[in-house]
Amino acid sequence: MKKKSKLSTPTWIIEGYDSPEEYEKAKGVKEKKKEGKTFKVRKCPKCKSYNIGVQLIGEEGKSAKNWECRECKWVGKDVMIEELTEDEFMKYLDEKGEEVA
């Protein structure tokens, strides 16, 4: 029969924090990964619109990639990426008017 390991005190308690959320915030941990299937959607950092497209610049074969917001005309490389659960993604598609099979 295998010997069971001892329970250990969580790090956030040892370091004197009141909750795991407070500990993660102090340590700079971003949002927790969502459970189940997730979808990544690009979002404009200026107007928060999902109407984002790729803008290719430069010569063929040596082109760089910029993102362009079709709403506010923002152009740049640092586009926001929002992670949605399956239910949130389906709601996003409904609002956008996309057909779902």
N, C-alpha and C. Protein backbone atom coordinates (compact mmCIF):
# COMPACT_ATOMS: atom_id res chain seq x y z
N MET A 1 0.83 -1.16 0.00
CA MET A 1 0.00 0.00 0.00
C MET A 1 0.89 1.24 0.00
N LYS A 2 0.57 2.19 -0.89
CA LYS A 2 1.37 3.42 -0.99
C LYS A 2 1.11 4.32 0.20
N LYS A 3 2.18 4.98 0.60
CA LYS A 3 2.06 5.92 1.71
C LYS A 3 1.55 7.26 1.17
N LYS A 4 0.56 7.83 1.82
CA LYS A 4 0.00 9.11 1.38
C LYS A 4 0.91 10.24 1.81
N SER A 5 1.01 11.26 0.95
CA SER A 5 1.84 12.41 1.29
C SER A 5 1.09 13.30 2.27
N LYS A 6 1.86 14.07 3.02
CA LYS A 6 1.27 14.96 4.01
C LYS A 6 0.69 16.19 3.31
N LEU A 7 -0.33 16.76 3.90
CA LEU A 7 -0.88 18.00 3.38
C LEU A 7 0.09 19.12 3.70
N SER A 8 0.19 20.07 2.80
CA SER A 8 1.09 21.19 3.04
C SER A 8 0.30 22.49 3.06
N THR A 9 0.80 23.46 3.79
CA THR A 9 0.16 24.76 3.89
C THR A 9 0.38 25.51 2.58
N PRO A 10 -0.69 26.08 1.99
CA PRO A 10 -0.53 26.82 0.73
C PRO A 10 0.45 27.99 0.89
N THR A 11 1.14 28.31 -0.18
CA THR A 11 2.14 29.37 -0.19
C THR A 11 1.53 30.71 0.19
N TRP A 12 0.31 30.98 -0.26
CA TRP A 12 -0.30 32.29 0.03
C TRP A 12 -0.51 32.50 1.52
N ILE A 13 -0.74 31.43 2.29
CA ILE A 13 -0.89 31.53 3.74
C ILE A 13 0.48 31.73 4.40
N ILE A 14 1.46 30.96 3.93
CA ILE A 14 2.82 31.06 4.48
C ILE A 14 3.37 32.47 4.32
N GLU A 15 3.08 33.10 3.17
CA GLU A 15 3.61 34.44 2.91
C GLU A 15 2.74 35.54 3.51
N GLY A 16 1.67 35.19 4.20
CA GLY A 16 0.89 36.16 4.96
C GLY A 16 -0.22 36.88 4.22
N TYR A 17 -0.71 36.33 3.12
CA TYR A 17 -1.81 36.95 2.39
C TYR A 17 -3.14 36.41 2.89
N ASP A 18 -4.20 37.20 2.74
CA ASP A 18 -5.53 36.83 3.24
C ASP A 18 -6.30 35.90 2.30
N SER A 19 -5.95 35.91 1.01
CA SER A 19 -6.67 35.06 0.06
C SER A 19 -5.76 34.72 -1.11
N PRO A 20 -6.10 33.65 -1.84
CA PRO A 20 -5.30 33.30 -3.03
C PRO A 20 -5.33 34.41 -4.08
N GLU A 21 -6.47 35.12 -4.20
CA GLU A 21 -6.60 36.20 -5.18
C GLU A 21 -5.63 37.34 -4.85
N GLU A 22 -5.54 37.69 -3.56
CA GLU A 22 -4.63 38.76 -3.13
C GLU A 22 -3.18 38.36 -3.40
N TYR A 23 -2.85 37.09 -3.15
CA TYR A 23 -1.50 36.57 -3.40
C TYR A 23 -1.16 36.67 -4.89
N GLU A 24 -2.09 36.21 -5.76
CA GLU A 24 -1.86 36.23 -7.20
C GLU A 24 -1.71 37.66 -7.72
N LYS A 25 -2.50 38.57 -7.19
CA LYS A 25 -2.41 39.97 -7.59
C LYS A 25 -1.05 40.56 -7.21
N ALA A 26 -0.59 40.26 -6.00
CA ALA A 26 0.70 40.76 -5.53
C ALA A 26 1.86 40.18 -6.33
N LYS A 27 1.73 38.94 -6.76
CA LYS A 27 2.79 38.27 -7.52
C LYS A 27 2.71 38.58 -9.02
N GLY A 28 1.68 39.30 -9.45
CA GLY A 28 1.55 39.66 -10.86
C GLY A 28 1.00 38.57 -11.74
N VAL A 29 0.29 37.62 -11.15
CA VAL A 29 -0.31 36.54 -11.92
C VAL A 29 -1.53 37.09 -12.65
N LYS A 30 -1.59 36.84 -13.94
CA LYS A 30 -2.73 37.29 -14.75
C LYS A 30 -3.94 36.41 -14.44
N GLU A 31 -4.99 36.58 -15.24
CA GLU A 31 -6.22 35.81 -15.03
C GLU A 31 -5.94 34.31 -15.10
N LYS A 32 -6.74 33.56 -14.35
CA LYS A 32 -6.61 32.12 -14.39
C LYS A 32 -7.13 31.62 -15.74
N LYS A 33 -6.57 30.52 -16.20
CA LYS A 33 -7.00 29.93 -17.45
C LYS A 33 -8.42 29.40 -17.27
N LYS A 34 -9.25 29.67 -18.26
CA LYS A 34 -10.64 29.24 -18.19
C LYS A 34 -10.74 27.74 -18.43
N GLU A 35 -11.73 27.13 -17.77
CA GLU A 35 -11.95 25.69 -17.88
C GLU A 35 -12.62 25.36 -19.21
N GLY A 36 -12.35 24.18 -19.72
CA GLY A 36 -12.99 23.71 -20.94
C GLY A 36 -12.42 24.34 -22.19
N LYS A 37 -13.16 24.25 -23.28
CA LYS A 37 -12.72 24.76 -24.57
C LYS A 37 -12.81 26.28 -24.57
N THR A 38 -11.75 26.93 -25.06
CA THR A 38 -11.73 28.39 -25.12
C THR A 38 -11.42 28.85 -26.54
N PHE A 39 -11.81 30.08 -26.83
CA PHE A 39 -11.59 30.68 -28.14
C PHE A 39 -10.94 32.04 -27.94
N LYS A 40 -9.96 32.37 -28.78
CA LYS A 40 -9.28 33.66 -28.68
C LYS A 40 -9.82 34.58 -29.76
N VAL A 41 -10.21 35.79 -29.34
CA VAL A 41 -10.79 36.78 -30.24
C VAL A 41 -9.97 38.06 -30.12
N ARG A 42 -9.62 38.66 -31.25
CA ARG A 42 -8.84 39.90 -31.24
C ARG A 42 -9.75 41.10 -31.03
N LYS A 43 -9.21 42.10 -30.31
CA LYS A 43 -10.00 43.26 -29.92
C LYS A 43 -9.14 44.51 -30.05
N CYS A 44 -9.73 45.61 -30.51
CA CYS A 44 -9.01 46.87 -30.65
C CYS A 44 -8.68 47.44 -29.26
N PRO A 45 -7.42 47.83 -29.01
CA PRO A 45 -7.07 48.38 -27.71
C PRO A 45 -7.61 49.79 -27.49
N LYS A 46 -8.00 50.47 -28.56
CA LYS A 46 -8.47 51.84 -28.44
C LYS A 46 -9.98 51.91 -28.20
N CYS A 47 -10.77 51.29 -29.08
CA CYS A 47 -12.24 51.40 -28.98
C CYS A 47 -12.91 50.11 -28.52
N LYS A 48 -12.13 49.04 -28.29
CA LYS A 48 -12.63 47.74 -27.80
C LYS A 48 -13.54 47.02 -28.80
N SER A 49 -13.45 47.39 -30.08
CA SER A 49 -14.24 46.76 -31.13
C SER A 49 -13.61 45.43 -31.54
N TYR A 50 -14.44 44.47 -31.96
CA TYR A 50 -13.94 43.20 -32.46
C TYR A 50 -13.71 43.24 -33.97
N ASN A 51 -13.98 44.35 -34.61
CA ASN A 51 -13.87 44.50 -36.05
C ASN A 51 -12.42 44.82 -36.42
N ILE A 52 -11.54 43.82 -36.33
CA ILE A 52 -10.11 43.96 -36.53
C ILE A 52 -9.70 43.17 -37.77
N GLY A 53 -8.77 43.71 -38.55
CA GLY A 53 -8.26 43.02 -39.72
C GLY A 53 -6.75 43.14 -39.81
N VAL A 54 -6.14 42.29 -40.62
CA VAL A 54 -4.70 42.30 -40.83
C VAL A 54 -4.36 43.27 -41.95
N GLN A 55 -3.29 44.03 -41.75
CA GLN A 55 -2.82 44.97 -42.75
C GLN A 55 -1.39 44.57 -43.08
N LEU A 56 -1.17 44.08 -44.30
CA LEU A 56 0.16 43.66 -44.72
C LEU A 56 0.88 44.84 -45.34
N ILE A 57 2.13 45.05 -44.93
CA ILE A 57 2.92 46.16 -45.46
C ILE A 57 4.28 45.63 -45.89
N GLY A 58 4.88 46.27 -46.86
CA GLY A 58 6.21 45.87 -47.32
C GLY A 58 6.15 45.07 -48.60
N GLU A 59 7.33 44.60 -49.03
CA GLU A 59 7.43 43.82 -50.26
C GLU A 59 6.93 42.40 -50.05
N GLU A 60 6.60 41.75 -51.16
CA GLU A 60 6.13 40.38 -51.09
C GLU A 60 7.26 39.49 -50.56
N GLY A 61 6.94 38.62 -49.62
CA GLY A 61 7.93 37.74 -49.03
C GLY A 61 8.64 38.36 -47.84
N LYS A 62 8.65 39.68 -47.76
CA LYS A 62 9.31 40.37 -46.64
C LYS A 62 8.30 41.26 -45.91
N SER A 63 7.05 40.91 -46.01
CA SER A 63 6.02 41.79 -45.47
C SER A 63 5.92 41.70 -43.95
N ALA A 64 5.60 42.82 -43.35
CA ALA A 64 5.33 42.89 -41.92
C ALA A 64 3.82 42.87 -41.72
N LYS A 65 3.40 42.61 -40.50
CA LYS A 65 1.97 42.50 -40.24
C LYS A 65 1.57 43.54 -39.20
N ASN A 66 0.59 44.35 -39.53
CA ASN A 66 -0.02 45.28 -38.59
C ASN A 66 -1.49 44.92 -38.46
N TRP A 67 -2.10 45.34 -37.38
CA TRP A 67 -3.53 45.16 -37.19
C TRP A 67 -4.21 46.50 -37.42
N GLU A 68 -5.41 46.45 -37.99
CA GLU A 68 -6.16 47.68 -38.27
C GLU A 68 -7.59 47.51 -37.77
N CYS A 69 -8.06 48.52 -36.99
CA CYS A 69 -9.44 48.52 -36.54
C CYS A 69 -10.28 49.18 -37.62
N ARG A 70 -11.33 48.50 -38.03
CA ARG A 70 -12.18 49.04 -39.09
C ARG A 70 -13.20 50.04 -38.54
N GLU A 71 -13.28 50.16 -37.22
CA GLU A 71 -14.20 51.12 -36.60
C GLU A 71 -13.53 52.48 -36.39
N CYS A 72 -12.42 52.49 -35.63
CA CYS A 72 -11.79 53.77 -35.26
C CYS A 72 -10.52 54.06 -36.07
N LYS A 73 -10.16 53.16 -37.00
CA LYS A 73 -8.99 53.31 -37.88
C LYS A 73 -7.66 53.23 -37.14
N TRP A 74 -7.63 52.65 -35.94
CA TRP A 74 -6.38 52.44 -35.21
C TRP A 74 -5.52 51.44 -35.97
N VAL A 75 -4.21 51.66 -36.02
CA VAL A 75 -3.28 50.74 -36.67
C VAL A 75 -2.12 50.49 -35.71
N GLY A 76 -1.72 49.24 -35.54
CA GLY A 76 -0.60 48.93 -34.67
C GLY A 76 -0.35 47.44 -34.59
N LYS A 77 0.65 47.07 -33.80
CA LYS A 77 1.03 45.67 -33.65
C LYS A 77 0.45 45.05 -32.39
N ASP A 78 0.17 45.86 -31.37
CA ASP A 78 -0.27 45.34 -30.08
C ASP A 78 -1.79 45.29 -29.98
N VAL A 79 -2.38 44.26 -30.55
CA VAL A 79 -3.82 44.07 -30.49
C VAL A 79 -4.14 43.27 -29.23
N MET A 80 -5.29 43.55 -28.62
CA MET A 80 -5.71 42.81 -27.43
C MET A 80 -6.28 41.46 -27.85
N ILE A 81 -6.03 40.44 -27.05
CA ILE A 81 -6.60 39.12 -27.32
C ILE A 81 -7.44 38.74 -26.11
N GLU A 82 -8.72 38.50 -26.37
CA GLU A 82 -9.65 38.13 -25.30
C GLU A 82 -9.96 36.65 -25.42
N GLU A 83 -9.90 35.93 -24.31
CA GLU A 83 -10.17 34.50 -24.31
C GLU A 83 -11.61 34.28 -23.84
N LEU A 84 -12.42 33.62 -24.68
CA LEU A 84 -13.83 33.40 -24.40
C LEU A 84 -14.11 31.92 -24.20
N THR A 85 -15.04 31.62 -23.30
CA THR A 85 -15.51 30.24 -23.15
C THR A 85 -16.41 29.93 -24.34
N GLU A 86 -16.82 28.68 -24.45
CA GLU A 86 -17.66 28.28 -25.58
C GLU A 86 -18.99 29.04 -25.58
N ASP A 87 -19.61 29.21 -24.41
CA ASP A 87 -20.89 29.93 -24.32
C ASP A 87 -20.71 31.40 -24.69
N GLU A 88 -19.64 32.03 -24.18
CA GLU A 88 -19.37 33.43 -24.50
C GLU A 88 -19.10 33.60 -25.99
N PHE A 89 -18.39 32.62 -26.59
CA PHE A 89 -18.08 32.69 -28.02
C PHE A 89 -19.34 32.55 -28.86
N MET A 90 -20.25 31.67 -28.45
CA MET A 90 -21.51 31.51 -29.19
C MET A 90 -22.33 32.80 -29.12
N LYS A 91 -22.34 33.45 -27.95
CA LYS A 91 -23.04 34.72 -27.80
C LYS A 91 -22.40 35.79 -28.69
N TYR A 92 -21.06 35.80 -28.74
CA TYR A 92 -20.32 36.73 -29.60
C TYR A 92 -20.70 36.53 -31.06
N LEU A 93 -20.79 35.28 -31.51
CA LEU A 93 -21.16 35.00 -32.90
C LEU A 93 -22.60 35.42 -33.19
N ASP A 94 -23.51 35.20 -32.23
CA ASP A 94 -24.90 35.62 -32.40
C ASP A 94 -25.00 37.14 -32.57
N GLU A 95 -24.27 37.88 -31.73
CA GLU A 95 -24.28 39.34 -31.80
C GLU A 95 -23.68 39.84 -33.11
N LYS A 96 -22.69 39.10 -33.60
CA LYS A 96 -22.02 39.49 -34.85
C LYS A 96 -22.88 39.13 -36.07
N GLY A 97 -23.82 38.19 -35.90
CA GLY A 97 -24.70 37.79 -36.98
C GLY A 97 -24.16 36.66 -37.82
N GLU A 98 -23.23 35.89 -37.28
CA GLU A 98 -22.64 34.78 -38.00
C GLU A 98 -23.55 33.54 -37.91
N GLU A 99 -23.54 32.76 -38.97
CA GLU A 99 -24.29 31.50 -38.99
C GLU A 99 -23.54 30.46 -38.18
N VAL A 100 -24.24 29.74 -37.32
CA VAL A 100 -23.63 28.69 -36.54
C VAL A 100 -24.30 27.38 -36.94
N ALA A 101 -23.47 26.42 -37.38
CA ALA A 101 -24.01 25.14 -37.85
C ALA A 101 -24.34 24.21 -36.72
